[in-house]
Amino acid sequence: MKRNIISIILMVMILFAAFLGWFAQDIAYYFADHLFYQDPFKTLIVVTIISISLFIISFVMNTILLAKQKVNPKIYTTLLLANVFIGFFVSFWSLFVLAMWWG
């Protein structure tokens, strides 16, 4: 049961990082309009860094859990592939949007 909860937490972390990376520009505009009244570029940088960091943290946690034999190798492979493919494309998109903002 505990192994399933750990896998679910890692998958939610990957999906949350994907959400942050994909909608980073919208989040930056929302924060600028409603919450912080700051330059949206600063918020975009923070959201992009958080998104990429969550993908890296998820990968590291997944690898540590495999080394401690807390995760089944089949689940590890599935989470690793999801993290790599989703993380690559979403991070590429986030960095592309950030580069376009830089001008």
N, C-alpha and C. Protein backbone atom coordinates (compact mmCIF):
# COMPACT_ATOMS: atom_id res chain seq x y z
N MET A 1 0.83 -1.20 0.00
CA MET A 1 0.00 0.00 0.00
C MET A 1 0.87 1.26 0.00
N LYS A 2 1.94 1.23 0.79
CA LYS A 2 2.80 2.39 0.89
C LYS A 2 3.52 2.65 -0.44
N ARG A 3 3.84 1.59 -1.15
CA ARG A 3 4.51 1.74 -2.44
C ARG A 3 3.60 2.44 -3.44
N ASN A 4 2.32 2.13 -3.40
CA ASN A 4 1.38 2.78 -4.31
C ASN A 4 1.25 4.27 -4.01
N ILE A 5 1.25 4.63 -2.75
CA ILE A 5 1.14 6.03 -2.37
C ILE A 5 2.37 6.81 -2.85
N ILE A 6 3.54 6.22 -2.71
CA ILE A 6 4.77 6.88 -3.16
C ILE A 6 4.73 7.09 -4.68
N SER A 7 4.28 6.09 -5.42
CA SER A 7 4.19 6.21 -6.87
C SER A 7 3.18 7.27 -7.27
N ILE A 8 2.07 7.33 -6.56
CA ILE A 8 1.05 8.34 -6.86
C ILE A 8 1.59 9.74 -6.58
N ILE A 9 2.31 9.90 -5.48
CA ILE A 9 2.89 11.20 -5.15
C ILE A 9 3.89 11.64 -6.23
N LEU A 10 4.72 10.73 -6.70
CA LEU A 10 5.67 11.07 -7.76
C LEU A 10 4.97 11.44 -9.06
N MET A 11 3.90 10.72 -9.38
CA MET A 11 3.17 11.03 -10.61
C MET A 11 2.45 12.37 -10.50
N VAL A 12 1.91 12.68 -9.34
CA VAL A 12 1.27 13.98 -9.13
C VAL A 12 2.31 15.10 -9.23
N MET A 13 3.51 14.85 -8.73
CA MET A 13 4.58 15.84 -8.82
C MET A 13 4.95 16.10 -10.28
N ILE A 14 5.02 15.04 -11.08
CA ILE A 14 5.33 15.20 -12.49
C ILE A 14 4.22 15.97 -13.20
N LEU A 15 2.96 15.65 -12.90
CA LEU A 15 1.84 16.34 -13.54
C LEU A 15 1.76 17.80 -13.11
N PHE A 16 2.05 18.09 -11.84
CA PHE A 16 2.04 19.47 -11.36
C PHE A 16 3.16 20.27 -12.02
N ALA A 17 4.33 19.66 -12.17
CA ALA A 17 5.44 20.33 -12.85
C ALA A 17 5.08 20.60 -14.32
N ALA A 18 4.39 19.64 -14.95
CA ALA A 18 3.96 19.84 -16.33
C ALA A 18 2.95 20.97 -16.42
N PHE A 19 2.03 21.02 -15.49
CA PHE A 19 1.03 22.10 -15.46
C PHE A 19 1.71 23.45 -15.30
N LEU A 20 2.64 23.55 -14.37
CA LEU A 20 3.35 24.81 -14.16
C LEU A 20 4.14 25.22 -15.40
N GLY A 21 4.81 24.27 -16.01
CA GLY A 21 5.61 24.58 -17.19
C GLY A 21 4.77 24.97 -18.38
N TRP A 22 3.66 24.29 -18.58
CA TRP A 22 2.83 24.55 -19.75
C TRP A 22 2.08 25.88 -19.64
N PHE A 23 1.62 26.21 -18.44
CA PHE A 23 0.83 27.43 -18.24
C PHE A 23 1.61 28.52 -17.50
N ALA A 24 2.92 28.52 -17.63
CA ALA A 24 3.75 29.49 -16.90
C ALA A 24 3.44 30.92 -17.30
N GLN A 25 3.22 31.15 -18.58
CA GLN A 25 2.94 32.50 -19.04
C GLN A 25 1.59 32.98 -18.51
N ASP A 26 0.60 32.13 -18.52
CA ASP A 26 -0.71 32.50 -17.99
C ASP A 26 -0.65 32.76 -16.49
N ILE A 27 0.13 31.94 -15.79
CA ILE A 27 0.30 32.14 -14.34
C ILE A 27 0.99 33.47 -14.07
N ALA A 28 1.98 33.80 -14.87
CA ALA A 28 2.70 35.07 -14.69
C ALA A 28 1.76 36.26 -14.91
N TYR A 29 0.94 36.19 -15.94
CA TYR A 29 -0.01 37.28 -16.18
C TYR A 29 -1.06 37.37 -15.07
N TYR A 30 -1.53 36.22 -14.59
CA TYR A 30 -2.52 36.22 -13.52
C TYR A 30 -1.95 36.84 -12.25
N PHE A 31 -0.73 36.45 -11.89
CA PHE A 31 -0.11 37.02 -10.69
C PHE A 31 0.12 38.52 -10.84
N ALA A 32 0.50 38.94 -12.04
CA ALA A 32 0.75 40.37 -12.26
C ALA A 32 -0.55 41.17 -12.17
N ASP A 33 -1.65 40.60 -12.63
CA ASP A 33 -2.93 41.31 -12.62
C ASP A 33 -3.62 41.29 -11.27
N HIS A 34 -3.49 40.20 -10.52
CA HIS A 34 -4.33 40.02 -9.34
C HIS A 34 -3.59 39.96 -8.00
N LEU A 35 -2.35 39.54 -8.00
CA LEU A 35 -1.72 39.27 -6.71
C LEU A 35 -0.55 40.19 -6.38
N PHE A 36 0.49 40.16 -7.19
CA PHE A 36 1.74 40.82 -6.80
C PHE A 36 1.94 42.19 -7.41
N TYR A 37 1.31 42.46 -8.53
CA TYR A 37 1.52 43.71 -9.25
C TYR A 37 3.00 43.93 -9.56
N GLN A 38 3.67 42.86 -9.88
CA GLN A 38 5.08 42.90 -10.26
C GLN A 38 5.19 42.69 -11.77
N ASP A 39 6.40 42.83 -12.25
CA ASP A 39 6.67 42.53 -13.65
C ASP A 39 6.42 41.04 -13.88
N PRO A 40 5.60 40.67 -14.87
CA PRO A 40 5.32 39.25 -15.09
C PRO A 40 6.55 38.46 -15.50
N PHE A 41 7.57 39.14 -16.01
CA PHE A 41 8.79 38.44 -16.41
C PHE A 41 9.46 37.77 -15.22
N LYS A 42 9.48 38.44 -14.08
CA LYS A 42 10.07 37.85 -12.88
C LYS A 42 9.29 36.62 -12.43
N THR A 43 7.98 36.73 -12.48
CA THR A 43 7.14 35.59 -12.10
C THR A 43 7.33 34.44 -13.07
N LEU A 44 7.47 34.75 -14.35
CA LEU A 44 7.69 33.70 -15.36
C LEU A 44 8.99 32.96 -15.10
N ILE A 45 10.03 33.68 -14.72
CA ILE A 45 11.31 33.04 -14.40
C ILE A 45 11.15 32.10 -13.21
N VAL A 46 10.47 32.56 -12.17
CA VAL A 46 10.31 31.74 -10.96
C VAL A 46 9.49 30.49 -11.27
N VAL A 47 8.39 30.63 -12.00
CA VAL A 47 7.54 29.48 -12.30
C VAL A 47 8.28 28.48 -13.19
N THR A 48 9.06 28.96 -14.13
CA THR A 48 9.83 28.06 -15.00
C THR A 48 10.88 27.31 -14.21
N ILE A 49 11.57 27.99 -13.32
CA ILE A 49 12.58 27.32 -12.49
C ILE A 49 11.94 26.29 -11.57
N ILE A 50 10.79 26.62 -10.99
CA ILE A 50 10.09 25.66 -10.12
C ILE A 50 9.67 24.44 -10.92
N SER A 51 9.16 24.64 -12.11
CA SER A 51 8.72 23.52 -12.95
C SER A 51 9.88 22.58 -13.27
N ILE A 52 10.97 23.13 -13.73
CA ILE A 52 12.14 22.30 -14.08
C ILE A 52 12.71 21.63 -12.83
N SER A 53 12.71 22.35 -11.71
CA SER A 53 13.21 21.77 -10.45
C SER A 53 12.34 20.60 -10.00
N LEU A 54 11.04 20.70 -10.16
CA LEU A 54 10.17 19.60 -9.77
C LEU A 54 10.42 18.36 -10.62
N PHE A 55 10.70 18.54 -11.91
CA PHE A 55 11.05 17.39 -12.74
C PHE A 55 12.35 16.75 -12.25
N ILE A 56 13.33 17.55 -11.91
CA ILE A 56 14.61 17.01 -11.44
C ILE A 56 14.44 16.33 -10.08
N ILE A 57 13.70 16.95 -9.17
CA ILE A 57 13.46 16.36 -7.85
C ILE A 57 12.72 15.04 -7.98
N SER A 58 11.75 14.98 -8.87
CA SER A 58 11.01 13.74 -9.08
C SER A 58 11.92 12.63 -9.58
N PHE A 59 12.82 12.96 -10.50
CA PHE A 59 13.77 11.97 -11.00
C PHE A 59 14.69 11.48 -9.90
N VAL A 60 15.21 12.39 -9.09
CA VAL A 60 16.12 12.01 -8.01
C VAL A 60 15.40 11.16 -6.96
N MET A 61 14.19 11.58 -6.59
CA MET A 61 13.44 10.79 -5.59
C MET A 61 13.12 9.40 -6.11
N ASN A 62 12.77 9.31 -7.38
CA ASN A 62 12.45 8.03 -7.98
C ASN A 62 13.67 7.11 -7.98
N THR A 63 14.83 7.66 -8.29
CA THR A 63 16.06 6.87 -8.31
C THR A 63 16.46 6.42 -6.91
N ILE A 64 16.33 7.30 -5.94
CA ILE A 64 16.65 6.94 -4.55
C ILE A 64 15.72 5.85 -4.05
N LEU A 65 14.43 5.96 -4.37
CA LEU A 65 13.47 4.94 -3.94
C LEU A 65 13.75 3.60 -4.60
N LEU A 66 14.23 3.60 -5.83
CA LEU A 66 14.60 2.34 -6.47
C LEU A 66 15.82 1.73 -5.79
N ALA A 67 16.80 2.56 -5.43
CA ALA A 67 18.01 2.06 -4.77
C ALA A 67 17.68 1.46 -3.40
N LYS A 68 16.71 2.05 -2.72
CA LYS A 68 16.30 1.52 -1.41
C LYS A 68 15.25 0.42 -1.53
N GLN A 69 14.92 0.04 -2.75
CA GLN A 69 13.94 -1.01 -3.06
C GLN A 69 12.55 -0.71 -2.48
N LYS A 70 12.17 0.54 -2.52
CA LYS A 70 10.84 0.95 -2.08
C LYS A 70 9.88 1.04 -3.26
N VAL A 71 10.43 0.99 -4.50
CA VAL A 71 9.62 1.07 -5.71
C VAL A 71 9.94 -0.12 -6.58
N ASN A 72 8.91 -0.70 -7.15
CA ASN A 72 9.05 -1.80 -8.08
C ASN A 72 9.79 -1.31 -9.33
N PRO A 73 10.74 -2.09 -9.88
CA PRO A 73 11.47 -1.64 -11.07
C PRO A 73 10.57 -1.32 -12.27
N LYS A 74 9.45 -2.03 -12.40
CA LYS A 74 8.53 -1.76 -13.50
C LYS A 74 7.88 -0.38 -13.32
N ILE A 75 7.50 -0.06 -12.11
CA ILE A 75 6.92 1.25 -11.82
C ILE A 75 7.99 2.33 -12.00
N TYR A 76 9.21 2.03 -11.58
CA TYR A 76 10.32 2.97 -11.76
C TYR A 76 10.50 3.31 -13.24
N THR A 77 10.49 2.29 -14.08
CA THR A 77 10.67 2.52 -15.51
C THR A 77 9.55 3.36 -16.08
N THR A 78 8.32 3.08 -15.67
CA THR A 78 7.18 3.84 -16.15
C THR A 78 7.28 5.30 -15.72
N LEU A 79 7.59 5.53 -14.45
CA LEU A 79 7.72 6.90 -13.96
C LEU A 79 8.91 7.61 -14.59
N LEU A 80 9.99 6.88 -14.82
CA LEU A 80 11.16 7.48 -15.46
C LEU A 80 10.85 7.91 -16.88
N LEU A 81 10.18 7.05 -17.64
CA LEU A 81 9.83 7.41 -19.02
C LEU A 81 8.86 8.59 -19.05
N ALA A 82 7.88 8.59 -18.14
CA ALA A 82 6.94 9.71 -18.07
C ALA A 82 7.67 10.99 -17.72
N ASN A 83 8.57 10.91 -16.76
CA ASN A 83 9.32 12.09 -16.33
C ASN A 83 10.21 12.62 -17.46
N VAL A 84 10.89 11.74 -18.14
CA VAL A 84 11.81 12.16 -19.20
C VAL A 84 11.05 12.76 -20.38
N PHE A 85 10.03 12.07 -20.87
CA PHE A 85 9.32 12.57 -22.04
C PHE A 85 8.51 13.82 -21.73
N ILE A 86 7.71 13.78 -20.69
CA ILE A 86 6.92 14.94 -20.33
C ILE A 86 7.85 16.09 -19.91
N GLY A 87 8.84 15.78 -19.11
CA GLY A 87 9.77 16.80 -18.64
C GLY A 87 10.54 17.46 -19.76
N PHE A 88 10.97 16.68 -20.74
CA PHE A 88 11.73 17.26 -21.84
C PHE A 88 10.88 18.23 -22.64
N PHE A 89 9.70 17.79 -23.05
CA PHE A 89 8.88 18.65 -23.91
C PHE A 89 8.33 19.86 -23.17
N VAL A 90 7.91 19.68 -21.94
CA VAL A 90 7.37 20.81 -21.18
C VAL A 90 8.48 21.79 -20.83
N SER A 91 9.64 21.29 -20.44
CA SER A 91 10.76 22.18 -20.11
C SER A 91 11.25 22.91 -21.35
N PHE A 92 11.27 22.23 -22.48
CA PHE A 92 11.64 22.89 -23.73
C PHE A 92 10.66 24.02 -24.06
N TRP A 93 9.37 23.75 -23.89
CA TRP A 93 8.35 24.76 -24.14
C TRP A 93 8.51 25.95 -23.18
N SER A 94 8.72 25.66 -21.90
CA SER A 94 8.88 26.72 -20.91
C SER A 94 10.10 27.58 -21.21
N LEU A 95 11.19 26.95 -21.54
CA LEU A 95 12.40 27.72 -21.86
C LEU A 95 12.25 28.49 -23.16
N PHE A 96 11.50 27.96 -24.11
CA PHE A 96 11.22 28.67 -25.35
C PHE A 96 10.40 29.93 -25.06
N VAL A 97 9.36 29.80 -24.25
CA VAL A 97 8.54 30.96 -23.88
C VAL A 97 9.38 31.98 -23.12
N LEU A 98 10.21 31.52 -22.22
CA LEU A 98 11.08 32.42 -21.46
C LEU A 98 12.05 33.15 -22.40
N ALA A 99 12.60 32.43 -23.37
CA ALA A 99 13.53 33.05 -24.32
C ALA A 99 12.81 34.10 -25.18
N MET A 100 11.56 33.83 -25.54
CA MET A 100 10.80 34.81 -26.32
C MET A 100 10.52 36.06 -25.51
N TRP A 101 10.32 35.90 -24.20
CA TRP A 101 10.11 37.06 -23.34
C TRP A 101 11.38 37.88 -23.20
N TRP A 102 12.51 37.19 -23.24
CA TRP A 102 13.78 37.89 -23.13
C TRP A 102 14.02 38.79 -24.34
N GLY A 103 13.47 38.36 -25.46
CA GLY A 103 13.55 39.18 -26.67
C GLY A 103 14.73 38.86 -27.44
